[in-house]
């Protein structure tokens, strides 16, 4: 697993939730799309912005890899 992917997993675990635009700036569009596709990130909306939170699957994956 690449260091970039490990760093991105640590970021979503540490942050837990936020705005999609901020997360995309931090981890990049490609990894964001990948994490949404595999179910590590759950998306939602406020009246003004798209939001995200880490899923239980994402939390378990990070803990299993001892990245937390």
PDB file of N, CA and C in Angstrom:
ATOM      1  N   UNK A   1       0.857  -1.175   0.000  1.00  0.00           N
ATOM      2  CA  UNK A   1       0.000   0.000   0.000  1.00  0.00           C
ATOM      3  C   UNK A   1       0.902   1.237   0.000  1.00  0.00           C
ATOM      4  N   UNK A   2       0.547   2.204  -0.818  1.00  0.00           N
ATOM      5  CA  UNK A   2       1.361   3.411  -0.941  1.00  0.00           C
ATOM      6  C   UNK A   2       1.258   4.286   0.310  1.00  0.00           C
ATOM      7  N   UNK A   3       2.286   5.075   0.519  1.00  0.00           N
ATOM      8  CA  UNK A   3       2.299   5.994   1.660  1.00  0.00           C
ATOM      9  C   UNK A   3       1.199   7.049   1.530  1.00  0.00           C
ATOM     10  N   UNK A   4       0.907   7.429   0.293  1.00  0.00           N
ATOM     11  CA  UNK A   4      -0.151   8.416   0.060  1.00  0.00           C
ATOM     12  C   UNK A   4      -1.512   7.872   0.518  1.00  0.00           C
ATOM     13  N   UNK A   5      -1.765   6.613   0.198  1.00  0.00           N
ATOM     14  CA  UNK A   5      -3.033   5.981   0.596  1.00  0.00           C
ATOM     15  C   UNK A   5      -3.099   5.817   2.119  1.00  0.00           C
ATOM     16  N   UNK A   6      -1.991   5.399   2.734  1.00  0.00           N
ATOM     17  CA  UNK A   6      -1.956   5.265   4.194  1.00  0.00           C
ATOM     18  C   UNK A   6      -2.214   6.613   4.861  1.00  0.00           C
ATOM     19  N   UNK A   7      -1.578   7.649   4.345  1.00  0.00           N
ATOM     20  CA  UNK A   7      -1.760   8.994   4.895  1.00  0.00           C
ATOM     21  C   UNK A   7      -3.214   9.447   4.767  1.00  0.00           C
ATOM     22  N   UNK A   8      -3.833   9.150   3.626  1.00  0.00           N
ATOM     23  CA  UNK A   8      -5.231   9.526   3.403  1.00  0.00           C
ATOM     24  C   UNK A   8      -6.149   8.772   4.360  1.00  0.00           C
ATOM     25  N   UNK A   9      -5.871   7.500   4.593  1.00  0.00           N
ATOM     26  CA  UNK A   9      -6.673   6.714   5.543  1.00  0.00           C
ATOM     27  C   UNK A   9      -6.542   7.275   6.956  1.00  0.00           C
ATOM     28  N   UNK A  10      -5.334   7.643   7.339  1.00  0.00           N
ATOM     29  CA  UNK A  10      -5.125   8.263   8.653  1.00  0.00           C
ATOM     30  C   UNK A  10      -5.904   9.566   8.764  1.00  0.00           C
ATOM     31  N   UNK A  11      -5.922  10.341   7.683  1.00  0.00           N
ATOM     32  CA  UNK A  11      -6.624  11.621   7.678  1.00  0.00           C
ATOM     33  C   UNK A  11      -8.119  11.436   7.895  1.00  0.00           C
ATOM     34  N   UNK A  12      -8.735  10.517   7.150  1.00  0.00           N
ATOM     35  CA  UNK A  12     -10.179  10.349   7.317  1.00  0.00           C
ATOM     36  C   UNK A  12     -10.513   9.769   8.683  1.00  0.00           C
ATOM     37  N   UNK A  13      -9.619   8.938   9.226  1.00  0.00           N
ATOM     38  CA  UNK A  13      -9.855   8.374  10.561  1.00  0.00           C
ATOM     39  C   UNK A  13      -9.744   9.462  11.627  1.00  0.00           C
ATOM     40  N   UNK A  14      -8.704  10.272  11.523  1.00  0.00           N
ATOM     41  CA  UNK A  14      -8.457  11.320  12.519  1.00  0.00           C
ATOM     42  C   UNK A  14      -9.536  12.395  12.470  1.00  0.00           C
ATOM     43  N   UNK A  15      -9.895  12.833  11.258  1.00  0.00           N
ATOM     44  CA  UNK A  15     -10.880  13.909  11.122  1.00  0.00           C
ATOM     45  C   UNK A  15     -12.299  13.423  11.397  1.00  0.00           C
ATOM     46  N   UNK A  16     -12.646  12.255  10.866  1.00  0.00           N
ATOM     47  CA  UNK A  16     -13.951  11.661  11.144  1.00  0.00           C
ATOM     48  C   UNK A  16     -15.110  12.168  10.304  1.00  0.00           C
ATOM     49  N   UNK A  17     -15.143  13.468  10.036  1.00  0.00           N
ATOM     50  CA  UNK A  17     -16.235  14.061   9.258  1.00  0.00           C
ATOM     51  C   UNK A  17     -15.825  15.458   8.809  1.00  0.00           C
ATOM     52  N   UNK A  18     -16.584  15.997   7.850  1.00  0.00           N
ATOM     53  CA  UNK A  18     -16.319  17.357   7.381  1.00  0.00           C
ATOM     54  C   UNK A  18     -16.950  17.612   6.028  1.00  0.00           C
ATOM     55  N   UNK A  19     -16.447  18.631   5.355  1.00  0.00           N
ATOM     56  CA  UNK A  19     -16.931  18.979   4.025  1.00  0.00           C
ATOM     57  C   UNK A  19     -16.107  18.261   2.962  1.00  0.00           C
ATOM     58  N   UNK A  20     -16.790  17.810   1.920  1.00  0.00           N
ATOM     59  CA  UNK A  20     -16.134  17.092   0.825  1.00  0.00           C
ATOM     60  C   UNK A  20     -15.033  17.941   0.197  1.00  0.00           C
ATOM     61  N   UNK A  21     -15.293  19.215  -0.012  1.00  0.00           N
ATOM     62  CA  UNK A  21     -14.291  20.062  -0.687  1.00  0.00           C
ATOM     63  C   UNK A  21     -12.994  20.135   0.118  1.00  0.00           C
ATOM     64  N   UNK A  22     -13.093  20.169   1.433  1.00  0.00           N
ATOM     65  CA  UNK A  22     -11.892  20.205   2.273  1.00  0.00           C
ATOM     66  C   UNK A  22     -11.140  18.874   2.212  1.00  0.00           C
ATOM     67  N   UNK A  23     -11.879  17.781   2.253  1.00  0.00           N
ATOM     68  CA  UNK A  23     -11.251  16.464   2.177  1.00  0.00           C
ATOM     69  C   UNK A  23     -10.582  16.260   0.826  1.00  0.00           C
ATOM     70  N   UNK A  24     -11.234  16.702  -0.238  1.00  0.00           N
ATOM     71  CA  UNK A  24     -10.651  16.572  -1.571  1.00  0.00           C
ATOM     72  C   UNK A  24      -9.353  17.365  -1.672  1.00  0.00           C
ATOM     73  N   UNK A  25      -9.307  18.532  -1.056  1.00  0.00           N
ATOM     74  CA  UNK A  25      -8.073  19.322  -1.038  1.00  0.00           C
ATOM     75  C   UNK A  25      -6.964  18.589  -0.291  1.00  0.00           C
ATOM     76  N   UNK A  26      -7.320  17.839   0.759  1.00  0.00           N
ATOM     77  CA  UNK A  26      -6.331  17.146   1.581  1.00  0.00           C
ATOM     78  C   UNK A  26      -5.830  15.845   0.968  1.00  0.00           C
ATOM     79  N   UNK A  27      -6.736  15.021   0.434  1.00  0.00           N
ATOM     80  CA  UNK A  27      -6.317  13.689  -0.024  1.00  0.00           C
ATOM     81  C   UNK A  27      -6.350  13.515  -1.533  1.00  0.00           C
ATOM     82  N   UNK A  28      -6.977  14.424  -2.247  1.00  0.00           N
ATOM     83  CA  UNK A  28      -7.039  14.325  -3.700  1.00  0.00           C
ATOM     84  C   UNK A  28      -8.329  13.686  -4.189  1.00  0.00           C
ATOM     85  N   UNK A  29      -8.696  14.028  -5.395  1.00  0.00           N
ATOM     86  CA  UNK A  29      -9.955  13.578  -5.983  1.00  0.00           C
ATOM     87  C   UNK A  29      -9.983  12.060  -6.211  1.00  0.00           C
ATOM     88  N   UNK A  30      -8.841  11.510  -6.635  1.00  0.00           N
ATOM     89  CA  UNK A  30      -8.783  10.083  -6.955  1.00  0.00           C
ATOM     90  C   UNK A  30      -9.006   9.211  -5.717  1.00  0.00           C
ATOM     91  N   UNK A  31      -8.289   9.513  -4.623  1.00  0.00           N
ATOM     92  CA  UNK A  31      -8.460   8.724  -3.395  1.00  0.00           C
ATOM     93  C   UNK A  31      -9.828   8.950  -2.786  1.00  0.00           C
ATOM     94  N   UNK A  32     -10.350  10.158  -2.878  1.00  0.00           N
ATOM     95  CA  UNK A  32     -11.699  10.440  -2.377  1.00  0.00           C
ATOM     96  C   UNK A  32     -12.715   9.548  -3.088  1.00  0.00           C
ATOM     97  N   UNK A  33     -12.642   9.502  -4.401  1.00  0.00           N
ATOM     98  CA  UNK A  33     -13.554   8.660  -5.181  1.00  0.00           C
ATOM     99  C   UNK A  33     -13.396   7.187  -4.824  1.00  0.00           C
ATOM    100  N   UNK A  34     -12.155   6.763  -4.647  1.00  0.00           N
ATOM    101  CA  UNK A  34     -11.893   5.366  -4.287  1.00  0.00           C
ATOM    102  C   UNK A  34     -12.504   5.023  -2.927  1.00  0.00           C
ATOM    103  N   UNK A  35     -12.311   5.879  -1.938  1.00  0.00           N
ATOM    104  CA  UNK A  35     -12.826   5.616  -0.598  1.00  0.00           C
ATOM    105  C   UNK A  35     -14.353   5.634  -0.564  1.00  0.00           C
ATOM    106  N   UNK A  36     -14.969   6.478  -1.363  1.00  0.00           N
ATOM    107  CA  UNK A  36     -16.436   6.482  -1.454  1.00  0.00           C
ATOM    108  C   UNK A  36     -16.909   5.181  -2.101  1.00  0.00           C
ATOM    109  N   UNK A  37     -16.225   4.757  -3.167  1.00  0.00           N
ATOM    110  CA  UNK A  37     -16.611   3.544  -3.896  1.00  0.00           C
ATOM    111  C   UNK A  37     -16.542   2.285  -3.043  1.00  0.00           C
ATOM    112  N   UNK A  38     -15.507   2.175  -2.211  1.00  0.00           N
ATOM    113  CA  UNK A  38     -15.363   0.961  -1.401  1.00  0.00           C
ATOM    114  C   UNK A  38     -16.139   1.034  -0.094  1.00  0.00           C
ATOM    115  N   UNK A  39     -16.729   2.184   0.200  1.00  0.00           N
ATOM    116  CA  UNK A  39     -17.587   2.299   1.371  1.00  0.00           C
ATOM    117  C   UNK A  39     -16.908   2.807   2.626  1.00  0.00           C
ATOM    118  N   UNK A  40     -15.699   3.371   2.498  1.00  0.00           N
ATOM    119  CA  UNK A  40     -15.008   3.929   3.659  1.00  0.00           C
ATOM    120  C   UNK A  40     -15.562   5.296   4.033  1.00  0.00           C
ATOM    121  N   UNK A  41     -16.166   5.986   3.078  1.00  0.00           N
ATOM    122  CA  UNK A  41     -16.709   7.324   3.297  1.00  0.00           C
ATOM    123  C   UNK A  41     -18.185   7.330   2.921  1.00  0.00           C
ATOM    124  N   UNK A  42     -18.992   7.926   3.780  1.00  0.00           N
ATOM    125  CA  UNK A  42     -20.422   8.105   3.527  1.00  0.00           C
ATOM    126  C   UNK A  42     -20.665   9.594   3.293  1.00  0.00           C
ATOM    127  N   UNK A  43     -21.375   9.917   2.230  1.00  0.00           N
ATOM    128  CA  UNK A  43     -21.626  11.315   1.869  1.00  0.00           C
ATOM    129  C   UNK A  43     -23.014  11.755   2.316  1.00  0.00           C
ATOM    130  N   UNK A  44     -23.126  13.044   2.557  1.00  0.00           N
ATOM    131  CA  UNK A  44     -24.386  13.658   2.924  1.00  0.00           C
ATOM    132  C   UNK A  44     -24.406  15.092   2.435  1.00  0.00           C
ATOM    133  N   UNK A  45     -25.420  15.845   2.820  1.00  0.00           N
ATOM    134  CA  UNK A  45     -25.559  17.226   2.367  1.00  0.00           C
ATOM    135  C   UNK A  45     -26.058  18.120   3.491  1.00  0.00           C
ATOM    136  N   UNK A  46     -25.598  19.349   3.486  1.00  0.00           N
ATOM    137  CA  UNK A  46     -26.225  20.404   4.269  1.00  0.00           C
ATOM    138  C   UNK A  46     -26.947  21.283   3.257  1.00  0.00           C
ATOM    139  N   UNK A  47     -27.516  22.362   3.714  1.00  0.00           N
ATOM    140  CA  UNK A  47     -28.181  23.254   2.758  1.00  0.00           C
ATOM    141  C   UNK A  47     -27.192  23.905   1.804  1.00  0.00           C
ATOM    142  N   UNK A  48     -25.937  24.003   2.208  1.00  0.00           N
ATOM    143  CA  UNK A  48     -24.961  24.727   1.395  1.00  0.00           C
ATOM    144  C   UNK A  48     -23.852  23.883   0.802  1.00  0.00           C
ATOM    145  N   UNK A  49     -23.566  22.704   1.366  1.00  0.00           N
ATOM    146  CA  UNK A  49     -22.403  21.925   0.934  1.00  0.00           C
ATOM    147  C   UNK A  49     -22.598  20.433   1.070  1.00  0.00           C
ATOM    148  N   UNK A  50     -21.782  19.697   0.309  1.00  0.00           N
ATOM    149  CA  UNK A  50     -21.736  18.251   0.425  1.00  0.00           C
ATOM    150  C   UNK A  50     -20.799  17.898   1.576  1.00  0.00           C
ATOM    151  N   UNK A  51     -21.190  16.920   2.393  1.00  0.00           N
ATOM    152  CA  UNK A  51     -20.410  16.535   3.566  1.00  0.00           C
ATOM    153  C   UNK A  51     -20.009  15.068   3.478  1.00  0.00           C
ATOM    154  N   UNK A  52     -19.129  14.663   4.395  1.00  0.00           N
ATOM    155  CA  UNK A  52     -18.693  13.268   4.469  1.00  0.00           C
ATOM    156  C   UNK A  52     -18.509  12.879   5.931  1.00  0.00           C
ATOM    157  N   UNK A  53     -18.508  11.565   6.163  1.00  0.00           N
ATOM    158  CA  UNK A  53     -18.099  10.997   7.441  1.00  0.00           C
ATOM    159  C   UNK A  53     -17.501   9.627   7.163  1.00  0.00           C
ATOM    160  N   UNK A  54     -16.628   9.185   8.032  1.00  0.00           N
ATOM    161  CA  UNK A  54     -16.025   7.858   7.868  1.00  0.00           C
ATOM    162  C   UNK A  54     -17.049   6.807   8.303  1.00  0.00           C
ATOM    163  N   UNK A  55     -17.108   5.718   7.574  1.00  0.00           N
ATOM    164  CA  UNK A  55     -18.036   4.635   7.906  1.00  0.00           C
ATOM    165  C   UNK A  55     -17.402   3.703   8.940  1.00  0.00           C
ATOM    166  N   UNK A  56     -18.206   2.832   9.504  1.00  0.00           N
ATOM    167  CA  UNK A  56     -17.687   1.828  10.445  1.00  0.00           C
ATOM    168  C   UNK A  56     -16.695   0.900   9.733  1.00  0.00           C
ATOM    169  N   UNK A  57     -16.956   0.597   8.465  1.00  0.00           N
ATOM    170  CA  UNK A  57     -16.040  -0.212   7.673  1.00  0.00           C
ATOM    171  C   UNK A  57     -14.684   0.483   7.557  1.00  0.00           C
ATOM    172  N   UNK A  58     -14.703   1.778   7.275  1.00  0.00           N
ATOM    173  CA  UNK A  58     -13.465   2.546   7.171  1.00  0.00           C
ATOM    174  C   UNK A  58     -12.701   2.569   8.484  1.00  0.00           C
ATOM    175  N   UNK A  59     -13.422   2.755   9.588  1.00  0.00           N
ATOM    176  CA  UNK A  59     -12.784   2.756  10.901  1.00  0.00           C
ATOM    177  C   UNK A  59     -12.137   1.401  11.195  1.00  0.00           C
ATOM    178  N   UNK A  60     -12.846   0.326  10.907  1.00  0.00           N
ATOM    179  CA  UNK A  60     -12.320  -1.028  11.142  1.00  0.00           C
ATOM    180  C   UNK A  60     -11.088  -1.293  10.294  1.00  0.00           C
ATOM    181  N   UNK A  61     -11.125  -0.870   9.052  1.00  0.00           N
ATOM    182  CA  UNK A  61      -9.998  -1.084   8.137  1.00  0.00           C
ATOM    183  C   UNK A  61      -8.747  -0.378   8.647  1.00  0.00           C
ATOM    184  N   UNK A  62      -8.893   0.866   9.066  1.00  0.00           N
ATOM    185  CA  UNK A  62      -7.748   1.630   9.572  1.00  0.00           C
ATOM    186  C   UNK A  62      -7.198   0.975  10.839  1.00  0.00           C
ATOM    187  N   UNK A  63      -8.073   0.556  11.733  1.00  0.00           N
ATOM    188  CA  UNK A  63      -7.626  -0.103  12.966  1.00  0.00           C
ATOM    189  C   UNK A  63      -6.957  -1.441  12.679  1.00  0.00           C
ATOM    190  N   UNK A  64      -7.493  -2.207  11.727  1.00  0.00           N
ATOM    191  CA  UNK A  64      -6.908  -3.498  11.362  1.00  0.00           C
ATOM    192  C   UNK A  64      -5.492  -3.357  10.801  1.00  0.00           C
ATOM    193  N   UNK A  65      -5.236  -2.239  10.117  1.00  0.00           N
ATOM    194  CA  UNK A  65      -3.915  -1.989   9.553  1.00  0.00           C
ATOM    195  C   UNK A  65      -2.978  -1.303  10.556  1.00  0.00           C
ATOM    196  N   UNK A  66      -3.457  -1.084  11.773  1.00  0.00           N
ATOM    197  CA  UNK A  66      -2.689  -0.382  12.814  1.00  0.00           C
ATOM    198  C   UNK A  66      -2.223   0.992  12.375  1.00  0.00           C
ATOM    199  N   UNK A  67      -3.109   1.709  11.681  1.00  0.00           N
ATOM    200  CA  UNK A  67      -2.794   3.072  11.252  1.00  0.00           C
ATOM    201  C   UNK A  67      -3.364   4.107  12.222  1.00  0.00           C
ATOM    202  N   UNK A  68      -4.242   3.679  13.101  1.00  0.00           N
ATOM    203  CA  UNK A  68      -4.896   4.613  14.024  1.00  0.00           C
ATOM    204  C   UNK A  68      -3.968   5.054  15.133  1.00  0.00           C
TER     205      UNK A  68
END
